[in-house]
């Protein structure tokens, strides 16, 4: 008889990751300005972390969305003044996305609203605990990226 789902560590890991992701998004979403969806925050966070100037295709890959979905989000964010979409200076067929001052100020206000939760999180767990979790989580992510890529060969067991 196969083990019950609650006895399978692989299912427990994915269930826990799903719950963590849901709770993290919920916590952030509750502190966003009225009308701002989580996806807009996610892009502003990406710009703040990595800088701006990416193409829509690069952004779609970074946040794991389709090009159509990212185009729709970028249009809404541009209409709200959070970003600007400009023609690429070296290749006029491409577009480059930049965060505006309004977008940067909004992102900073959101971070201020999130600061209390961030401090609670950092006081509940040590830096060492976060570092210890990373090797497994990174290996799991790389494995899943490998098996879900369009040109992925069949994956051999480790």
C-alpha atoms as a PDB file:
ATOM      1  CA  UNK A   1       0.000   0.000   0.000  1.00  0.00           C
ATOM      2  CA  UNK A   2       1.475   3.402  -0.954  1.00  0.00           C
ATOM      3  CA  UNK A   3       2.089   5.908   1.828  1.00  0.00           C
ATOM      4  CA  UNK A   4      -0.685   8.369   2.638  1.00  0.00           C
ATOM      5  CA  UNK A   5      -0.083  11.878   1.227  1.00  0.00           C
ATOM      6  CA  UNK A   6       0.610  13.301   4.704  1.00  0.00           C
ATOM      7  CA  UNK A   7       3.409  10.722   5.075  1.00  0.00           C
ATOM      8  CA  UNK A   8       5.187  11.733   1.874  1.00  0.00           C
ATOM      9  CA  UNK A   9       7.888  14.338   2.573  1.00  0.00           C
ATOM     10  CA  UNK A  10       7.931  15.507  -1.057  1.00  0.00           C
ATOM     11  CA  UNK A  11       4.232  16.414  -0.898  1.00  0.00           C
ATOM     12  CA  UNK A  12       4.688  18.007   2.528  1.00  0.00           C
ATOM     13  CA  UNK A  13       7.494  20.210   1.162  1.00  0.00           C
ATOM     14  CA  UNK A  14       5.399  21.453  -1.771  1.00  0.00           C
ATOM     15  CA  UNK A  15       2.358  21.966   0.436  1.00  0.00           C
ATOM     16  CA  UNK A  16       4.458  24.008   2.860  1.00  0.00           C
ATOM     17  CA  UNK A  17       6.033  26.067   0.063  1.00  0.00           C
ATOM     18  CA  UNK A  18       2.560  26.784  -1.348  1.00  0.00           C
ATOM     19  CA  UNK A  19       1.284  27.873   2.077  1.00  0.00           C
ATOM     20  CA  UNK A  20       4.323  30.110   2.661  1.00  0.00           C
ATOM     21  CA  UNK A  21       3.892  31.745  -0.753  1.00  0.00           C
ATOM     22  CA  UNK A  22       0.180  32.323  -0.169  1.00  0.00           C
ATOM     23  CA  UNK A  23       0.699  33.807   3.301  1.00  0.00           C
ATOM     24  CA  UNK A  24       3.562  36.037   2.136  1.00  0.00           C
ATOM     25  CA  UNK A  25       1.506  37.398  -0.783  1.00  0.00           C
ATOM     26  CA  UNK A  26      -1.507  37.919   1.486  1.00  0.00           C
ATOM     27  CA  UNK A  27       0.582  39.813   4.047  1.00  0.00           C
ATOM     28  CA  UNK A  28       2.054  42.078   1.362  1.00  0.00           C
ATOM     29  CA  UNK A  29      -1.257  42.547  -0.488  1.00  0.00           C
ATOM     30  CA  UNK A  30      -2.917  43.825   2.678  1.00  0.00           C
ATOM     31  CA  UNK A  31      -0.367  46.634   2.862  1.00  0.00           C
ATOM     32  CA  UNK A  32      -0.477  47.717  -0.771  1.00  0.00           C
ATOM     33  CA  UNK A  33      -2.180  50.966  -1.745  1.00  0.00           C
ATOM     34  CA  UNK A  34      -5.849  50.514  -2.682  1.00  0.00           C
ATOM     35  CA  UNK A  35      -6.138  49.232  -6.233  1.00  0.00           C
ATOM     36  CA  UNK A  36      -2.535  48.021  -6.546  1.00  0.00           C
ATOM     37  CA  UNK A  37      -2.364  44.315  -7.322  1.00  0.00           C
ATOM     38  CA  UNK A  38       0.456  42.133  -6.044  1.00  0.00           C
ATOM     39  CA  UNK A  39       1.873  41.727  -9.584  1.00  0.00           C
ATOM     40  CA  UNK A  40       2.565  45.497  -9.754  1.00  0.00           C
ATOM     41  CA  UNK A  41       4.403  45.348  -6.434  1.00  0.00           C
ATOM     42  CA  UNK A  42       6.387  42.346  -7.654  1.00  0.00           C
ATOM     43  CA  UNK A  43       7.628  44.303 -10.675  1.00  0.00           C
ATOM     44  CA  UNK A  44       8.459  47.384  -8.596  1.00  0.00           C
ATOM     45  CA  UNK A  45      10.423  45.120  -6.224  1.00  0.00           C
ATOM     46  CA  UNK A  46      12.269  43.618  -9.197  1.00  0.00           C
ATOM     47  CA  UNK A  47      13.235  47.092 -10.450  1.00  0.00           C
ATOM     48  CA  UNK A  48      14.348  48.182  -6.981  1.00  0.00           C
ATOM     49  CA  UNK A  49      16.457  45.030  -6.551  1.00  0.00           C
ATOM     50  CA  UNK A  50      17.928  44.612 -10.047  1.00  0.00           C
ATOM     51  CA  UNK A  51      17.641  48.088 -11.519  1.00  0.00           C
ATOM     52  CA  UNK A  52      15.428  48.898 -14.455  1.00  0.00           C
ATOM     53  CA  UNK A  53      15.898  48.974 -18.202  1.00  0.00           C
ATOM     54  CA  UNK A  54      14.774  45.417 -18.940  1.00  0.00           C
ATOM     55  CA  UNK A  55      12.689  44.499 -21.948  1.00  0.00           C
ATOM     56  CA  UNK A  56       9.132  43.230 -21.448  1.00  0.00           C
ATOM     57  CA  UNK A  57      10.316  39.739 -22.487  1.00  0.00           C
ATOM     58  CA  UNK A  58      13.066  39.815 -19.839  1.00  0.00           C
ATOM     59  CA  UNK A  59      10.541  40.924 -17.214  1.00  0.00           C
ATOM     60  CA  UNK A  60       8.129  38.155 -18.230  1.00  0.00           C
ATOM     61  CA  UNK A  61      10.869  35.556 -17.716  1.00  0.00           C
ATOM     62  CA  UNK A  62      11.947  37.081 -14.401  1.00  0.00           C
ATOM     63  CA  UNK A  63       8.449  36.961 -12.895  1.00  0.00           C
ATOM     64  CA  UNK A  64       7.413  33.795 -14.761  1.00  0.00           C
ATOM     65  CA  UNK A  65       4.537  35.306 -16.745  1.00  0.00           C
ATOM     66  CA  UNK A  66       3.572  35.231 -20.379  1.00  0.00           C
ATOM     67  CA  UNK A  67       4.532  38.161 -22.586  1.00  0.00           C
ATOM     68  CA  UNK A  68       0.837  38.976 -23.020  1.00  0.00           C
ATOM     69  CA  UNK A  69       0.265  39.106 -19.256  1.00  0.00           C
ATOM     70  CA  UNK A  70       3.323  41.265 -18.638  1.00  0.00           C
ATOM     71  CA  UNK A  71       2.310  43.636 -21.461  1.00  0.00           C
ATOM     72  CA  UNK A  72      -1.101  44.127 -19.845  1.00  0.00           C
ATOM     73  CA  UNK A  73       0.466  44.775 -16.432  1.00  0.00           C
ATOM     74  CA  UNK A  74       3.020  47.204 -17.878  1.00  0.00           C
ATOM     75  CA  UNK A  75       0.271  49.160 -19.652  1.00  0.00           C
ATOM     76  CA  UNK A  76      -1.628  49.531 -16.374  1.00  0.00           C
ATOM     77  CA  UNK A  77       1.514  50.476 -14.436  1.00  0.00           C
ATOM     78  CA  UNK A  78       2.433  53.059 -17.066  1.00  0.00           C
ATOM     79  CA  UNK A  79      -1.075  54.560 -16.913  1.00  0.00           C
ATOM     80  CA  UNK A  80      -0.661  54.845 -13.119  1.00  0.00           C
ATOM     81  CA  UNK A  81       2.706  56.571 -13.558  1.00  0.00           C
ATOM     82  CA  UNK A  82       4.804  53.850 -11.865  1.00  0.00           C
ATOM     83  CA  UNK A  83       6.870  53.042 -14.951  1.00  0.00           C
ATOM     84  CA  UNK A  84       7.653  54.353 -18.382  1.00  0.00           C
ATOM     85  CA  UNK A  85       8.156  52.220 -21.486  1.00  0.00           C
ATOM     86  CA  UNK A  86      10.681  53.631 -23.938  1.00  0.00           C
ATOM     87  CA  UNK A  87      12.124  52.547 -27.271  1.00  0.00           C
ATOM     88  CA  UNK A  88      15.531  50.866 -26.956  1.00  0.00           C
ATOM     89  CA  UNK A  89      18.184  53.330 -28.150  1.00  0.00           C
ATOM     90  CA  UNK A  90      20.234  50.642 -29.941  1.00  0.00           C
ATOM     91  CA  UNK A  91      17.345  48.555 -31.328  1.00  0.00           C
ATOM     92  CA  UNK A  92      14.216  50.606 -31.988  1.00  0.00           C
ATOM     93  CA  UNK A  93      12.122  47.409 -32.282  1.00  0.00           C
ATOM     94  CA  UNK A  94      12.638  46.662 -28.586  1.00  0.00           C
ATOM     95  CA  UNK A  95      11.183  48.459 -25.608  1.00  0.00           C
ATOM     96  CA  UNK A  96      12.876  49.159 -22.278  1.00  0.00           C
ATOM     97  CA  UNK A  97      10.989  49.595 -19.011  1.00  0.00           C
ATOM     98  CA  UNK A  98      12.069  52.118 -16.385  1.00  0.00           C
ATOM     99  CA  UNK A  99      10.622  52.880 -12.970  1.00  0.00           C
ATOM    100  CA  UNK A 100       9.547  56.498 -12.550  1.00  0.00           C
ATOM    101  CA  UNK A 101      10.122  58.637  -9.480  1.00  0.00           C
ATOM    102  CA  UNK A 102       6.422  58.108  -8.653  1.00  0.00           C
ATOM    103  CA  UNK A 103       6.967  54.324  -8.845  1.00  0.00           C
ATOM    104  CA  UNK A 104      10.095  54.501  -6.678  1.00  0.00           C
ATOM    105  CA  UNK A 105       8.346  56.696  -4.090  1.00  0.00           C
ATOM    106  CA  UNK A 106       5.373  54.329  -4.034  1.00  0.00           C
ATOM    107  CA  UNK A 107       7.630  51.319  -3.611  1.00  0.00           C
ATOM    108  CA  UNK A 108       9.430  53.049  -0.724  1.00  0.00           C
ATOM    109  CA  UNK A 109       6.086  53.791   0.985  1.00  0.00           C
ATOM    110  CA  UNK A 110       5.078  50.133   0.633  1.00  0.00           C
ATOM    111  CA  UNK A 111       8.394  49.006   2.121  1.00  0.00           C
ATOM    112  CA  UNK A 112       7.827  51.342   5.059  1.00  0.00           C
ATOM    113  CA  UNK A 113       4.397  49.748   5.581  1.00  0.00           C
ATOM    114  CA  UNK A 114       5.991  46.279   5.450  1.00  0.00           C
ATOM    115  CA  UNK A 115       8.865  47.111   7.801  1.00  0.00           C
ATOM    116  CA  UNK A 116       7.127  45.919  11.003  1.00  0.00           C
ATOM    117  CA  UNK A 117       6.409  42.490   9.510  1.00  0.00           C
ATOM    118  CA  UNK A 118       9.936  42.249   8.132  1.00  0.00           C
ATOM    119  CA  UNK A 119      11.368  43.016  11.572  1.00  0.00           C
ATOM    120  CA  UNK A 120       9.089  40.388  13.155  1.00  0.00           C
ATOM    121  CA  UNK A 121      10.272  37.820  10.630  1.00  0.00           C
ATOM    122  CA  UNK A 122      13.927  38.632  11.250  1.00  0.00           C
ATOM    123  CA  UNK A 123      13.459  38.385  15.005  1.00  0.00           C
ATOM    124  CA  UNK A 124      11.596  35.050  14.750  1.00  0.00           C
ATOM    125  CA  UNK A 125      14.299  33.302  12.699  1.00  0.00           C
ATOM    126  CA  UNK A 126      18.066  33.657  12.636  1.00  0.00           C
ATOM    127  CA  UNK A 127      20.086  34.491   9.575  1.00  0.00           C
ATOM    128  CA  UNK A 128      21.696  31.054   9.939  1.00  0.00           C
ATOM    129  CA  UNK A 129      18.278  29.375   9.706  1.00  0.00           C
ATOM    130  CA  UNK A 130      17.546  31.174   6.455  1.00  0.00           C
ATOM    131  CA  UNK A 131      21.006  30.309   5.082  1.00  0.00           C
ATOM    132  CA  UNK A 132      20.587  26.633   6.029  1.00  0.00           C
ATOM    133  CA  UNK A 133      17.303  26.432   4.099  1.00  0.00           C
ATOM    134  CA  UNK A 134      18.780  27.847   0.903  1.00  0.00           C
ATOM    135  CA  UNK A 135      20.837  24.915  -0.485  1.00  0.00           C
ATOM    136  CA  UNK A 136      17.824  22.588  -0.631  1.00  0.00           C
ATOM    137  CA  UNK A 137      15.429  25.281  -1.878  1.00  0.00           C
ATOM    138  CA  UNK A 138      17.889  26.393  -4.557  1.00  0.00           C
ATOM    139  CA  UNK A 139      18.517  22.812  -5.715  1.00  0.00           C
ATOM    140  CA  UNK A 140      14.763  22.197  -5.847  1.00  0.00           C
ATOM    141  CA  UNK A 141      14.198  25.359  -7.890  1.00  0.00           C
ATOM    142  CA  UNK A 142      16.995  24.535 -10.350  1.00  0.00           C
ATOM    143  CA  UNK A 143      15.656  20.993 -10.756  1.00  0.00           C
ATOM    144  CA  UNK A 144      12.140  22.267 -11.444  1.00  0.00           C
ATOM    145  CA  UNK A 145      13.450  24.892 -13.892  1.00  0.00           C
ATOM    146  CA  UNK A 146      15.373  22.162 -15.709  1.00  0.00           C
ATOM    147  CA  UNK A 147      12.439  19.792 -16.058  1.00  0.00           C
ATOM    148  CA  UNK A 148       9.983  22.521 -17.069  1.00  0.00           C
ATOM    149  CA  UNK A 149      12.119  24.172 -19.748  1.00  0.00           C
ATOM    150  CA  UNK A 150      10.736  23.639 -23.267  1.00  0.00           C
ATOM    151  CA  UNK A 151      13.853  21.783 -24.418  1.00  0.00           C
ATOM    152  CA  UNK A 152      14.242  19.675 -21.271  1.00  0.00           C
ATOM    153  CA  UNK A 153      15.455  16.145 -21.898  1.00  0.00           C
ATOM    154  CA  UNK A 154      14.054  13.453 -19.682  1.00  0.00           C
ATOM    155  CA  UNK A 155      15.625  13.930 -16.286  1.00  0.00           C
ATOM    156  CA  UNK A 156      17.570  11.124 -14.698  1.00  0.00           C
ATOM    157  CA  UNK A 157      17.030  10.457 -10.996  1.00  0.00           C
ATOM    158  CA  UNK A 158      19.746  11.911  -8.797  1.00  0.00           C
END
